[in-house]
Protein backbone atom coordinates (compact mmCIF):
# COMPACT_ATOMS: atom_id res chain seq x y z
CA MET A 1 -63.43 43.36 -40.47
CA GLN A 2 -66.57 47.10 -38.41
CA HIS A 3 -73.15 47.10 -36.55
CA ARG A 4 -77.89 47.77 -35.13
CA ARG A 5 -79.00 45.08 -33.50
CA ILE A 6 -81.66 42.66 -34.77
CA ALA A 7 -79.23 41.45 -33.09
CA ARG A 8 -80.28 42.13 -29.79
CA SER A 9 -81.80 38.74 -29.31
CA GLY A 10 -78.52 37.36 -28.97
CA LEU A 11 -78.87 38.92 -25.65
CA ALA A 12 -81.16 36.12 -24.59
CA LEU A 13 -78.43 33.94 -25.76
CA VAL A 14 -76.35 34.16 -22.91
CA VAL A 15 -74.98 30.61 -21.57
CA THR A 16 -74.14 30.37 -17.61
CA ALA A 17 -70.86 29.30 -17.10
CA GLY A 18 -68.75 28.57 -14.32
CA LEU A 19 -66.63 30.14 -11.84
CA ALA A 20 -65.29 33.31 -13.41
CA GLY A 21 -62.26 32.34 -14.22
CA THR A 22 -61.77 29.21 -14.42
CA LEU A 23 -60.33 26.54 -16.54
CA LEU A 24 -61.79 23.71 -17.98
CA ALA A 25 -59.82 20.53 -18.20
CA ALA A 26 -56.44 20.52 -20.59
CA ALA A 27 -57.42 18.77 -23.96
CA PRO A 28 -55.09 17.20 -25.62
CA ALA A 29 -52.22 19.14 -27.78
CA THR A 30 -53.69 20.12 -31.64
CA ALA A 31 -52.11 18.95 -34.74
CA GLU A 32 -50.61 22.49 -34.76
CA GLU A 33 -49.19 22.81 -32.00
CA VAL A 34 -47.17 18.79 -31.76
CA LYS A 35 -45.60 19.33 -35.24
CA THR A 36 -42.05 20.35 -34.52
CA ALA A 37 -41.94 24.14 -34.82
CA PRO A 38 -38.38 25.79 -36.36
CA ALA A 39 -36.61 27.06 -34.66
CA ALA A 40 -37.32 30.85 -33.68
CA THR A 41 -34.25 33.06 -34.11
CA LYS A 42 -34.21 35.28 -31.07
CA PRO A 43 -35.17 39.35 -31.77
CA VAL A 44 -32.44 41.86 -32.73
CA TRP A 45 -34.29 44.78 -31.81
CA GLY A 46 -33.07 48.47 -32.78
CA LYS A 47 -35.10 51.20 -34.48
CA CYS A 48 -38.40 51.01 -36.15
CA PRO A 49 -38.27 52.13 -39.79
CA THR A 50 -38.98 55.37 -40.42
CA GLY A 51 -43.27 56.93 -40.26
CA VAL A 52 -43.44 54.30 -37.98
CA ALA A 53 -44.53 55.68 -34.74
CA PRO A 54 -42.27 58.68 -35.00
CA GLY A 55 -43.25 60.28 -31.76
CA SER A 56 -42.86 57.38 -30.02
CA PRO A 57 -38.99 56.63 -29.64
CA GLN A 58 -39.28 53.74 -26.61
CA LEU A 59 -40.97 51.64 -29.46
CA GLN A 60 -38.30 48.94 -30.72
CA CYS A 61 -38.47 46.93 -33.62
CA ALA A 62 -37.29 43.10 -35.10
CA LYS A 63 -37.54 40.88 -37.83
CA ILE A 64 -38.34 37.46 -37.45
CA PRO A 65 -37.56 34.87 -40.25
CA VAL A 66 -40.56 32.00 -40.78
CA PRO A 67 -41.32 29.54 -43.03
CA LEU A 68 -43.45 30.80 -46.37
CA ASP A 69 -44.94 27.62 -46.70
CA TYR A 70 -45.19 26.06 -43.22
CA ALA A 71 -45.65 22.38 -45.52
CA LYS A 72 -42.44 22.71 -46.20
CA PRO A 73 -40.08 24.21 -42.35
CA ASP A 74 -36.88 24.17 -44.07
CA GLY A 75 -37.45 25.64 -47.15
CA ARG A 76 -37.86 29.04 -47.91
CA LYS A 77 -37.94 31.90 -45.67
CA ILE A 78 -39.48 35.23 -45.15
CA GLU A 79 -38.97 38.02 -42.50
CA ILE A 80 -42.23 39.03 -40.45
CA MET A 81 -41.59 41.97 -38.80
CA ILE A 82 -42.74 43.44 -35.41
CA SER A 83 -42.74 46.18 -33.01
CA ARG A 84 -41.79 46.03 -29.50
CA LEU A 85 -43.22 48.63 -26.32
CA ALA A 86 -41.54 47.35 -23.60
CA SER A 87 -43.23 47.65 -20.02
CA ALA A 88 -42.49 50.45 -17.95
CA LYS A 89 -42.01 48.51 -15.36
CA PRO A 90 -40.53 45.59 -15.59
CA ALA A 91 -41.13 43.93 -11.82
CA LYS A 92 -44.70 43.50 -12.58
CA ARG A 93 -44.44 42.32 -16.24
CA ARG A 94 -46.03 39.29 -16.78
CA GLY A 95 -45.80 38.29 -20.64
CA VAL A 96 -46.12 39.75 -23.68
CA LEU A 97 -49.52 41.07 -25.33
CA LEU A 98 -49.62 40.41 -29.24
CA LEU A 99 -51.88 42.79 -31.14
CA ASN A 100 -53.33 43.44 -34.40
CA PRO A 101 -55.33 46.52 -35.54
CA GLY A 102 -57.43 44.53 -38.36
CA GLY A 103 -57.93 45.05 -42.18
CA PRO A 104 -57.21 42.65 -43.00
CA GLY A 105 -53.86 44.47 -44.36
CA GLY A 106 -53.61 46.25 -41.67
CA SER A 107 -50.27 47.42 -40.59
CA GLY A 108 -50.02 46.92 -36.73
CA LEU A 109 -45.81 48.30 -36.15
CA SER A 110 -47.20 51.38 -34.95
CA GLN A 111 -50.13 49.95 -32.83
CA PRO A 112 -48.80 49.65 -29.21
CA ALA A 113 -47.83 53.23 -29.66
CA ASP A 114 -51.11 54.26 -30.62
CA LEU A 115 -52.93 52.44 -28.18
CA VAL A 116 -50.97 54.03 -25.33
CA ALA A 117 -51.25 57.16 -26.79
CA LEU A 118 -54.91 56.72 -27.14
CA GLY A 119 -55.16 55.70 -23.09
CA LEU A 120 -54.39 52.54 -23.13
CA PRO A 121 -54.32 51.95 -19.16
CA ALA A 122 -50.86 51.95 -17.46
CA THR A 123 -51.85 48.51 -15.71
CA VAL A 124 -51.92 46.98 -18.85
CA SER A 125 -48.87 48.22 -20.33
CA ALA A 126 -46.79 48.07 -17.10
CA ALA A 127 -48.50 43.83 -17.18
CA TYR A 128 -46.97 43.28 -20.91
CA ASP A 129 -44.20 43.94 -23.27
CA LEU A 130 -46.74 45.80 -26.19
CA ILE A 131 -46.09 43.81 -29.57
CA GLY A 132 -47.53 44.24 -32.82
CA MET A 133 -46.47 43.21 -35.53
CA ASP A 134 -47.12 43.53 -40.26
CA PRO A 135 -48.23 40.23 -40.67
CA ARG A 136 -47.14 39.08 -44.11
CA GLY A 137 -47.63 40.06 -47.08
CA VAL A 138 -48.01 43.46 -45.38
CA GLY A 139 -45.95 46.70 -44.97
CA HIS A 140 -42.38 45.40 -43.85
CA SER A 141 -42.79 41.17 -43.90
CA SER A 142 -42.48 40.53 -47.29
CA PRO A 143 -45.30 42.91 -48.63
CA VAL A 144 -47.29 41.67 -51.64
CA SER A 145 -48.15 43.38 -54.57
CA CYS A 146 -51.20 43.84 -57.08
CA GLY A 147 -49.37 46.42 -59.23
CA PHE A 148 -52.61 48.65 -58.64
CA LEU A 149 -52.28 52.13 -60.12
CA ALA A 150 -54.09 55.50 -59.03
CA ASP A 151 -57.12 55.29 -61.06
CA ASP A 152 -59.16 52.65 -62.02
CA MET A 153 -62.48 50.76 -61.98
CA TYR A 154 -61.44 48.50 -59.01
CA GLN A 155 -61.76 51.68 -56.79
CA ALA A 156 -62.32 49.46 -53.43
CA ASN A 157 -61.78 46.03 -51.32
CA ILE A 158 -65.86 46.60 -50.55
CA PRO A 159 -67.92 46.31 -54.09
CA PRO A 160 -70.08 49.04 -55.28
CA TYR A 161 -73.70 48.80 -54.88
CA ALA A 162 -74.92 46.94 -57.05
CA LYS A 163 -78.48 48.22 -58.84
CA ASN A 164 -79.35 45.49 -60.69
CA SER A 165 -77.74 42.17 -62.29
CA ALA A 166 -76.29 44.18 -65.29
CA ASP A 167 -73.94 46.43 -62.66
CA VAL A 168 -73.08 42.95 -61.09
CA ALA A 169 -71.76 41.26 -64.71
CA LYS A 170 -70.05 44.60 -65.19
CA GLN A 171 -67.96 44.60 -61.86
CA ALA A 172 -67.61 40.61 -62.55
CA LYS A 173 -65.84 41.39 -66.01
CA ILE A 174 -63.82 44.04 -63.53
CA VAL A 175 -63.29 41.94 -60.83
CA GLN A 176 -61.56 39.00 -63.33
CA ARG A 177 -59.29 41.39 -64.25
CA VAL A 178 -58.00 42.13 -61.05
CA ALA A 179 -57.51 38.43 -60.33
CA ALA A 180 -55.62 37.85 -63.21
CA GLN A 181 -53.49 40.91 -62.08
CA CYS A 182 -52.74 39.85 -59.07
CA ALA A 183 -51.74 36.62 -60.03
CA ALA A 184 -49.73 37.97 -63.68
CA ASN A 185 -48.25 40.22 -60.91
CA ASP A 186 -46.80 38.23 -57.92
CA LYS A 187 -43.54 37.16 -58.51
CA ALA A 188 -41.97 36.04 -55.52
CA GLY A 189 -44.84 33.77 -55.35
CA LEU A 190 -45.71 35.26 -52.25
CA LEU A 191 -49.61 35.91 -52.73
CA PRO A 192 -50.87 31.45 -52.14
CA HIS A 193 -49.19 31.68 -48.63
CA ILE A 194 -50.74 35.15 -47.45
CA SER A 195 -53.28 33.56 -45.29
CA THR A 196 -54.99 33.26 -41.80
CA ALA A 197 -53.87 30.09 -40.43
CA ASN A 198 -50.25 31.12 -41.49
CA THR A 199 -50.16 34.50 -39.86
CA ALA A 200 -51.19 32.91 -37.11
CA ARG A 201 -48.48 29.64 -37.39
CA ASP A 202 -46.24 33.51 -37.76
CA MET A 203 -47.91 34.15 -34.49
CA ASP A 204 -46.38 31.03 -33.00
CA GLN A 205 -43.48 31.41 -34.46
CA ILE A 206 -42.99 35.21 -32.73
CA ARG A 207 -43.63 33.21 -29.52
CA ILE A 208 -41.40 30.96 -29.57
CA ALA A 209 -38.65 33.65 -30.63
CA LEU A 210 -39.74 36.01 -27.53
CA GLY A 211 -38.91 33.27 -25.11
CA GLU A 212 -42.75 32.97 -24.12
CA GLN A 213 -43.93 29.93 -23.31
CA LYS A 214 -47.60 31.20 -24.18
CA ILE A 215 -49.49 34.40 -25.59
CA ASN A 216 -51.84 36.97 -24.50
CA PHE A 217 -53.19 38.74 -27.41
CA PHE A 218 -55.82 41.75 -28.66
CA GLY A 219 -56.85 42.14 -31.91
CA ALA A 220 -60.10 44.56 -33.23
CA SER A 221 -62.08 43.80 -36.60
CA TYR A 222 -60.17 41.11 -38.39
CA GLY A 223 -57.81 40.91 -35.83
CA SER A 224 -60.66 39.20 -33.63
CA ALA A 225 -60.43 36.65 -36.91
CA LEU A 226 -56.79 36.04 -36.35
CA GLY A 227 -57.38 35.99 -32.91
CA ALA A 228 -60.05 33.17 -33.18
CA ALA A 229 -57.86 31.40 -35.37
CA TYR A 230 -54.63 31.59 -33.10
CA ALA A 231 -56.90 30.57 -30.34
CA SER A 232 -57.75 27.64 -32.37
CA MET A 233 -54.39 26.54 -33.74
CA PHE A 234 -52.43 26.67 -30.95
CA ARG A 235 -55.16 26.61 -27.71
CA GLU A 236 -52.72 25.21 -25.16
CA ARG A 237 -50.20 28.96 -26.05
CA THR A 238 -52.75 30.73 -25.18
CA ASP A 239 -52.83 33.36 -21.80
CA ARG A 240 -55.72 35.68 -21.94
CA ILE A 241 -57.22 36.44 -25.42
CA VAL A 242 -59.68 39.82 -26.02
CA LEU A 243 -61.43 39.59 -29.38
CA ASP A 244 -62.99 43.22 -30.43
CA SER A 245 -65.25 44.02 -32.79
CA ASN A 246 -65.63 40.06 -34.53
CA PRO A 247 -66.67 39.15 -37.87
CA GLY A 248 -68.33 35.98 -36.51
CA THR A 249 -65.57 33.49 -37.51
CA THR A 250 -61.86 32.80 -38.09
CA SER A 251 -61.53 34.98 -41.84
CA LEU A 252 -63.29 37.51 -42.93
CA ASP A 253 -65.50 35.96 -45.33
CA ARG A 254 -68.25 36.32 -47.71
CA ALA A 255 -70.85 35.72 -45.17
CA ALA A 256 -69.24 38.47 -42.85
CA VAL A 257 -68.81 40.66 -45.72
CA ARG A 258 -72.67 40.43 -46.62
CA ARG A 259 -73.24 41.59 -42.80
CA PHE A 260 -71.76 44.83 -43.90
CA GLY A 261 -75.97 45.50 -45.46
CA LEU A 262 -77.35 44.80 -42.30
CA GLY A 263 -74.57 46.84 -40.13
CA LEU A 264 -75.20 49.88 -41.92
CA GLU A 265 -79.41 49.42 -41.82
CA LEU A 266 -79.04 48.67 -37.72
CA ARG A 267 -76.41 51.70 -37.35
CA PHE A 268 -77.96 54.63 -39.42
CA PRO A 269 -81.11 55.34 -37.15
CA ASP A 270 -78.27 56.90 -35.38
CA PHE A 271 -76.96 59.43 -37.99
CA ALA A 272 -80.87 59.69 -38.67
CA LYS A 273 -81.63 61.11 -34.65
CA PHE A 274 -77.79 63.43 -34.96
CA ALA A 275 -79.46 64.65 -38.58
CA ALA A 276 -83.11 64.74 -37.61
CA GLU A 277 -82.38 67.20 -34.48
CA ARG A 278 -79.78 69.48 -36.03
CA HIS A 279 -82.70 69.59 -39.38
CA ALA A 280 -82.52 73.89 -39.23
CA ALA A 281 -78.87 73.68 -39.64
CA TYR A 282 -78.16 70.66 -42.83
CA GLY A 283 -81.88 70.36 -43.96
CA LEU A 284 -81.68 66.18 -44.03
CA GLY A 285 -84.99 65.60 -42.38
CA ARG A 286 -86.71 67.05 -39.89
CA THR A 287 -87.37 63.63 -38.02
CA PRO A 288 -85.05 60.62 -39.05
CA ALA A 289 -87.93 58.36 -40.88
CA GLU A 290 -87.72 61.68 -43.29
CA VAL A 291 -83.80 61.34 -43.42
CA ARG A 292 -84.42 58.24 -44.37
CA ARG A 293 -86.39 58.58 -47.47
CA ASN A 294 -84.01 60.76 -47.94
CA PHE A 295 -80.95 59.07 -48.02
CA PHE A 296 -82.43 57.10 -51.12
CA ALA A 297 -83.83 60.26 -53.19
CA LEU A 298 -80.39 60.91 -52.61
CA ALA A 299 -78.92 58.09 -53.89
CA ASP A 300 -81.23 57.91 -57.10
CA GLN A 301 -80.63 61.52 -57.70
CA LEU A 302 -76.84 61.18 -57.94
CA ASP A 303 -77.07 58.50 -59.84
CA ARG A 304 -79.05 60.65 -62.69
CA LYS A 305 -76.98 63.16 -62.18
CA PRO A 306 -73.34 62.99 -60.39
CA VAL A 307 -72.03 65.95 -58.24
CA ASP A 308 -68.01 66.13 -58.70
CA GLY A 309 -67.75 62.36 -59.83
CA ILE A 310 -69.71 61.86 -56.70
CA ASP A 311 -72.85 59.20 -57.63
CA GLY A 312 -75.40 57.24 -55.53
CA LYS A 313 -72.79 54.08 -54.83
CA THR A 314 -70.27 56.58 -53.71
CA PHE A 315 -72.87 58.49 -51.41
CA ARG A 316 -73.47 55.17 -50.18
CA PHE A 317 -70.77 54.28 -49.45
CA GLY A 318 -69.55 57.62 -47.54
CA MET A 319 -72.82 56.82 -45.38
CA PHE A 320 -71.23 53.04 -44.40
CA ALA A 321 -67.60 54.57 -44.11
CA SER A 322 -69.02 57.98 -41.87
CA ALA A 323 -70.77 55.51 -39.59
CA TYR A 324 -68.04 54.18 -37.82
CA LYS A 325 -67.38 56.27 -35.52
CA GLU A 326 -69.66 59.87 -34.42
CA SER A 327 -67.30 62.43 -35.17
CA GLN A 328 -68.06 61.57 -38.68
CA PHE A 329 -71.95 62.57 -38.72
CA PRO A 330 -71.05 66.59 -38.55
CA VAL A 331 -68.52 65.98 -42.09
CA MET A 332 -71.14 63.12 -43.68
CA ALA A 333 -74.32 65.54 -42.92
CA GLN A 334 -72.28 68.57 -44.58
CA MET A 335 -70.93 66.80 -47.79
CA TRP A 336 -74.99 65.40 -47.67
CA GLN A 337 -76.11 68.90 -47.69
CA SER A 338 -74.25 70.09 -50.46
CA LEU A 339 -74.53 66.58 -52.57
CA ALA A 340 -78.57 67.29 -51.84
CA GLY A 341 -77.89 71.04 -53.53
CA SER A 342 -75.61 70.52 -56.43
CA ASP A 343 -73.11 72.49 -55.29
CA ASP A 344 -69.84 71.23 -57.39
CA ALA A 345 -67.72 73.83 -55.79
CA ALA A 346 -68.48 72.80 -52.26
CA VAL A 347 -68.31 68.97 -52.93
CA ARG A 348 -64.78 69.64 -54.02
CA ARG A 349 -63.52 72.40 -51.06
CA GLN A 350 -64.79 70.09 -49.08
CA ARG A 351 -62.80 66.51 -50.94
CA THR A 352 -60.02 68.70 -51.00
CA ASP A 353 -59.66 69.37 -47.51
CA SER A 354 -59.77 65.18 -47.42
CA ARG A 355 -63.56 65.49 -45.35
CA MET A 356 -64.86 63.57 -47.88
CA PRO A 357 -65.48 59.89 -45.20
CA GLU A 358 -65.11 57.62 -48.08
CA VAL A 359 -61.38 58.71 -48.75
CA ARG A 360 -60.74 58.70 -44.81
CA ALA A 361 -63.14 56.23 -42.29
CA LEU A 362 -62.29 52.86 -43.67
CA PRO A 363 -58.31 51.89 -43.72
CA GLY A 364 -57.35 50.19 -46.44
CA LEU A 365 -60.25 50.06 -48.08
CA SER A 366 -60.29 54.08 -49.14
CA ALA A 367 -59.96 54.57 -52.76
CA GLY A 368 -57.44 53.15 -55.37
CA SER A 369 -57.26 51.30 -59.17
CA VAL A 370 -55.44 50.38 -61.62
CA ALA A 371 -55.10 51.93 -65.32
CA ARG A 372 -51.87 52.46 -67.63
CA GLY A 373 -49.90 55.25 -67.23
CA ALA A 374 -50.89 56.42 -63.47
CA ALA A 375 -48.72 56.21 -60.56
CA PRO A 376 -48.79 53.60 -58.74
CA SER A 377 -51.70 53.42 -55.73
CA PRO A 378 -50.91 54.14 -52.38
CA HIS A 379 -53.58 51.16 -51.29
CA ASP A 380 -51.74 48.95 -53.53
CA ASN A 381 -50.26 47.69 -50.70
CA ALA A 382 -53.41 46.87 -48.17
CA PHE A 383 -55.47 46.25 -51.38
CA SER A 384 -53.18 43.46 -52.47
CA ALA A 385 -52.74 41.72 -48.80
CA PHE A 386 -56.59 41.82 -48.19
CA LEU A 387 -57.62 39.70 -51.14
CA ALA A 388 -54.63 37.26 -50.91
CA VAL A 389 -56.35 36.97 -47.30
CA THR A 390 -60.13 37.46 -47.83
CA CYS A 391 -59.70 34.72 -51.10
CA ASN A 392 -56.78 32.59 -49.89
CA ASP A 393 -58.91 31.78 -46.67
CA THR A 394 -62.36 30.70 -47.69
CA ALA A 395 -63.62 29.53 -50.82
CA TRP A 396 -66.23 32.12 -52.67
CA PRO A 397 -68.93 31.38 -55.54
CA THR A 398 -67.17 31.16 -58.75
CA ASP A 399 -70.43 31.38 -60.82
CA VAL A 400 -71.59 35.64 -62.00
CA ALA A 401 -75.54 34.01 -61.32
CA THR A 402 -75.14 33.62 -57.52
CA TYR A 403 -73.75 37.33 -56.63
CA GLN A 404 -76.95 38.43 -59.03
CA ARG A 405 -79.21 36.19 -57.10
CA ASP A 406 -78.29 37.76 -53.34
CA VAL A 407 -77.70 40.95 -54.74
CA ALA A 408 -81.49 41.49 -55.29
CA GLU A 409 -82.72 39.33 -52.27
CA ALA A 410 -79.66 41.60 -50.61
CA ARG A 411 -81.65 44.82 -52.10
CA LYS A 412 -84.90 44.09 -50.58
CA ARG A 413 -83.56 43.36 -47.28
CA PHE A 414 -80.84 46.04 -46.16
CA PRO A 415 -81.87 48.56 -48.99
CA MET A 416 -79.24 51.09 -47.91
CA PHE A 417 -75.91 48.45 -48.52
CA GLY A 418 -77.07 45.47 -48.60
CA ALA A 419 -76.15 45.32 -52.36
CA ALA A 420 -72.51 45.98 -51.55
CA GLY A 421 -71.33 43.25 -49.65
CA ALA A 422 -73.55 40.84 -51.61
CA ASN A 423 -71.64 41.77 -55.10
CA ILE A 424 -68.92 40.20 -56.47
CA ALA A 425 -65.58 40.19 -55.81
CA PRO A 426 -61.73 39.03 -57.08
CA CYS A 427 -62.40 36.42 -54.64
CA ALA A 428 -64.82 34.65 -57.35
CA TYR A 429 -61.99 34.08 -59.51
CA TRP A 430 -58.67 33.58 -57.22
CA PRO A 431 -57.00 30.18 -57.27
CA ARG A 432 -59.32 27.40 -55.10
CA PRO A 433 -57.42 28.53 -50.75
CA ALA A 434 -54.58 25.54 -50.45
CA GLU A 435 -55.96 24.47 -46.77
CA PRO A 436 -59.92 24.47 -45.46
CA PRO A 437 -60.62 27.77 -43.04
CA VAL A 438 -59.34 27.40 -39.26
CA GLN A 439 -61.91 25.85 -37.31
CA ILE A 440 -62.96 27.22 -34.33
CA THR A 441 -62.91 24.51 -30.99
CA LYS A 442 -64.54 24.85 -27.82
CA ASP A 443 -61.71 22.66 -26.33
CA GLY A 444 -59.21 23.95 -24.62
CA PRO A 445 -59.11 26.96 -21.79
CA ALA A 446 -61.95 29.25 -21.07
CA ASN A 447 -59.58 32.60 -21.46
CA ILE A 448 -61.35 34.49 -24.45
CA LEU A 449 -63.49 37.35 -23.77
CA ILE A 450 -65.16 38.78 -27.11
CA LEU A 451 -66.55 42.38 -27.08
CA GLN A 452 -69.44 43.52 -29.21
CA ASN A 453 -71.13 47.10 -30.11
CA LEU A 454 -74.62 46.67 -30.35
CA ARG A 455 -74.80 48.94 -33.61
CA ASP A 456 -71.18 49.02 -34.83
CA PRO A 457 -71.46 49.06 -39.23
CA ALA A 458 -68.86 47.17 -40.00
CA THR A 459 -68.87 43.77 -37.83
CA PRO A 460 -72.48 43.40 -36.38
CA HIS A 461 -73.09 42.45 -33.42
CA VAL A 462 -74.56 38.97 -34.15
CA GLY A 463 -70.87 38.38 -35.13
CA GLY A 464 -70.16 37.99 -31.42
CA VAL A 465 -73.54 36.27 -30.31
CA LEU A 466 -72.31 33.52 -33.03
CA LEU A 467 -68.35 33.69 -32.10
CA ARG A 468 -69.89 33.60 -28.98
CA LYS A 469 -71.69 30.23 -29.32
CA THR A 470 -68.73 28.28 -31.20
CA PHE A 471 -66.53 28.57 -28.49
CA GLY A 472 -68.83 27.62 -26.29
CA ASP A 473 -67.65 28.34 -22.55
CA ARG A 474 -64.13 28.96 -23.73
CA ALA A 475 -65.20 32.42 -24.35
CA ARG A 476 -67.82 35.16 -22.33
CA LEU A 477 -69.66 37.82 -24.74
CA VAL A 478 -69.87 41.44 -23.94
CA SER A 479 -72.18 43.69 -26.08
CA VAL A 480 -71.96 47.02 -25.74
CA ASP A 481 -75.05 50.00 -26.23
CA ALA A 482 -72.99 51.88 -28.54
CA GLY A 483 -71.68 52.08 -32.52
CA ARG A 484 -68.62 52.57 -33.49
CA HIS A 485 -66.28 50.30 -34.61
CA GLY A 486 -63.93 49.09 -31.94
CA VAL A 487 -65.09 48.18 -27.52
CA TYR A 488 -61.73 49.06 -25.95
CA VAL A 489 -59.79 51.75 -26.00
CA TYR A 490 -61.08 52.21 -29.60
CA ASP A 491 -63.66 53.54 -27.79
CA ASP A 492 -64.50 55.01 -24.10
CA ASN A 493 -67.26 53.00 -22.28
CA PRO A 494 -66.33 52.16 -18.50
CA CYS A 495 -68.20 49.60 -17.89
CA ALA A 496 -66.04 47.57 -20.98
CA LEU A 497 -63.07 49.25 -20.75
CA ASN A 498 -63.01 48.35 -17.08
CA LEU A 499 -64.08 44.52 -17.54
CA THR A 500 -61.73 44.36 -20.18
CA THR A 501 -58.90 45.90 -18.56
CA THR A 502 -60.14 43.41 -14.78
CA TYR A 503 -59.42 40.35 -17.70
CA LEU A 504 -55.99 41.42 -19.09
CA VAL A 505 -54.16 42.62 -15.94
CA ASP A 506 -56.02 40.70 -12.92
CA GLY A 507 -57.04 37.60 -15.29
CA THR A 508 -60.80 37.84 -13.85
CA LEU A 509 -63.19 36.73 -17.07
CA PRO A 510 -66.40 37.32 -16.20
CA GLY A 511 -68.46 34.29 -14.74
CA ARG A 512 -71.29 34.77 -17.87
CA ASP A 513 -71.71 37.43 -20.19
CA GLN A 514 -72.15 40.97 -19.70
CA PHE A 515 -74.47 43.98 -20.77
CA CYS A 516 -72.27 47.51 -20.65
CA SER A 517 -75.16 50.08 -20.84
CA ALA A 518 -74.55 53.51 -23.47
CA SER A 519 -72.21 56.12 -21.41
CA THR A 520 -71.82 59.94 -21.96
CA GLN A 521 -68.85 59.47 -19.14
CA SER A 522 -65.66 58.61 -20.10
CA GLY A 523 -63.85 55.95 -18.78
CA LEU A 524 -60.01 56.94 -19.56
CA LYS A 525 -60.28 60.30 -18.09
CA LEU A 526 -57.72 61.78 -20.06
CA ASP A 527 -56.69 65.47 -19.27
CA ALA A 528 -57.46 68.15 -21.88
CA ALA A 529 -53.80 67.52 -23.93
CA ALA A 530 -54.61 63.86 -24.09
CA GLN A 531 -57.59 64.06 -25.10
CA ARG A 532 -56.72 65.97 -28.01
CA ASN A 533 -54.16 63.66 -28.33
CA ARG A 534 -56.46 60.89 -28.85
CA ALA A 535 -58.58 62.72 -31.07
CA ALA A 536 -55.67 62.90 -33.49
CA VAL A 537 -54.41 59.47 -33.38
CA LEU A 538 -58.14 58.07 -33.61
CA ASP A 539 -58.81 60.66 -36.78
CA ARG A 540 -55.06 59.30 -38.42
CA LEU A 541 -56.16 55.93 -37.86
CA GLY A 542 -59.76 56.12 -38.98
CA ARG A 543 -61.45 55.01 -36.25
């Protein structure tokens, strides 16, 4: 999924629709909807696996069998584990709210409990049974594995910053080996079937198993792409859909990954302002412009002489990761200060304290690897599922020269981080997708609320603008003057919080697109203990 605002111009693309909440005329059923669905097994609820939301004993889990290959609905089955936090007020319950936290490759079993701990309004948790899930290939749902080990040159699913064409060629050899290793390690034949379209089909099986005519959905980051896919494939099975922090389509395709460069360019001024106001403490620059100049100077210095193993590429990655939330700004400023002083001991201490943003701020995208004799990587499943979904959803260029050309262009347009997102990935050597990407349709109910921060580093605002345009009058866009990754509940803008809560509870979709100004006020209004709990959950989630 995860950006600063050339895309402010997108705010001028507001399309006025009819009365709030008015539905379009019912469209004919899609091909997906008229298929004879496999019989879904009613879930048997019980305790969740050890380690899944241990502080929420009310959370229950169950497994739903689904076809591995939907072209063969009576063939081999896999199991999808789902979770449920039942409405505390059954008399007020209006349905189920399916959830997805993003990734792709992110586990969502704990998400119902996480959202409540973050301050999800009680009116929402009363109106719905909150349904989490580990998507196919992830966690407790027939997990895939490429056999990643703990120390190898493949360090993240975001490619490293490439300084030149030679860097791209070097990375090509690494990712070609990764793609081959994934194929060789897939003894169970799962990888070809791990895709957004199949996960959306699984969601419909979950709907059937739960006995619901329609489902409501809240997805953040890549989860918004999954929701967009479901709303297009099963449009008449949708009730209220909230898509938060959108990559712009139904997948995390190459275009979305390349927008990481745009995202950091638009987000960095927030950090630069923070650092310049505290120059006496950190010494990173007296003005935002000076902070920016020092960023490039330090990246070049680290490329020549790394500090405790951190080179310029890792420093750039850390800056991108720390841009996800303002609470990481002091951590990154302190690390930057130690790196600039070539203080190996201080950097080592900060990394030992698990405060290096690159290790913490990107769920499923932190350090990992593949080397003989090394221990298994704790990120093996996250890395593997991420690759399966992104590579199976869309076809990526296969020639190294394309990436070399794009990297050269990105270094000029987005010099801070553009040459990372444009670099080559294992998808270049992956088998071709089994089916085309899910196409968004403007036909269907007007029931989609799109949320997008203006300066989200991972999913720039333009992603929300693109999705709004593609869905047409089915959707409304809420643009928020904020910089972190995640709008509803993950952030705390009162305007966005109220608009989204009102929609989920009352069904009131704004009559036109909305703009929410920056705010220092809390919409959640949590007491001190709840604020501490919220901070701890955000820290654990890396948000």
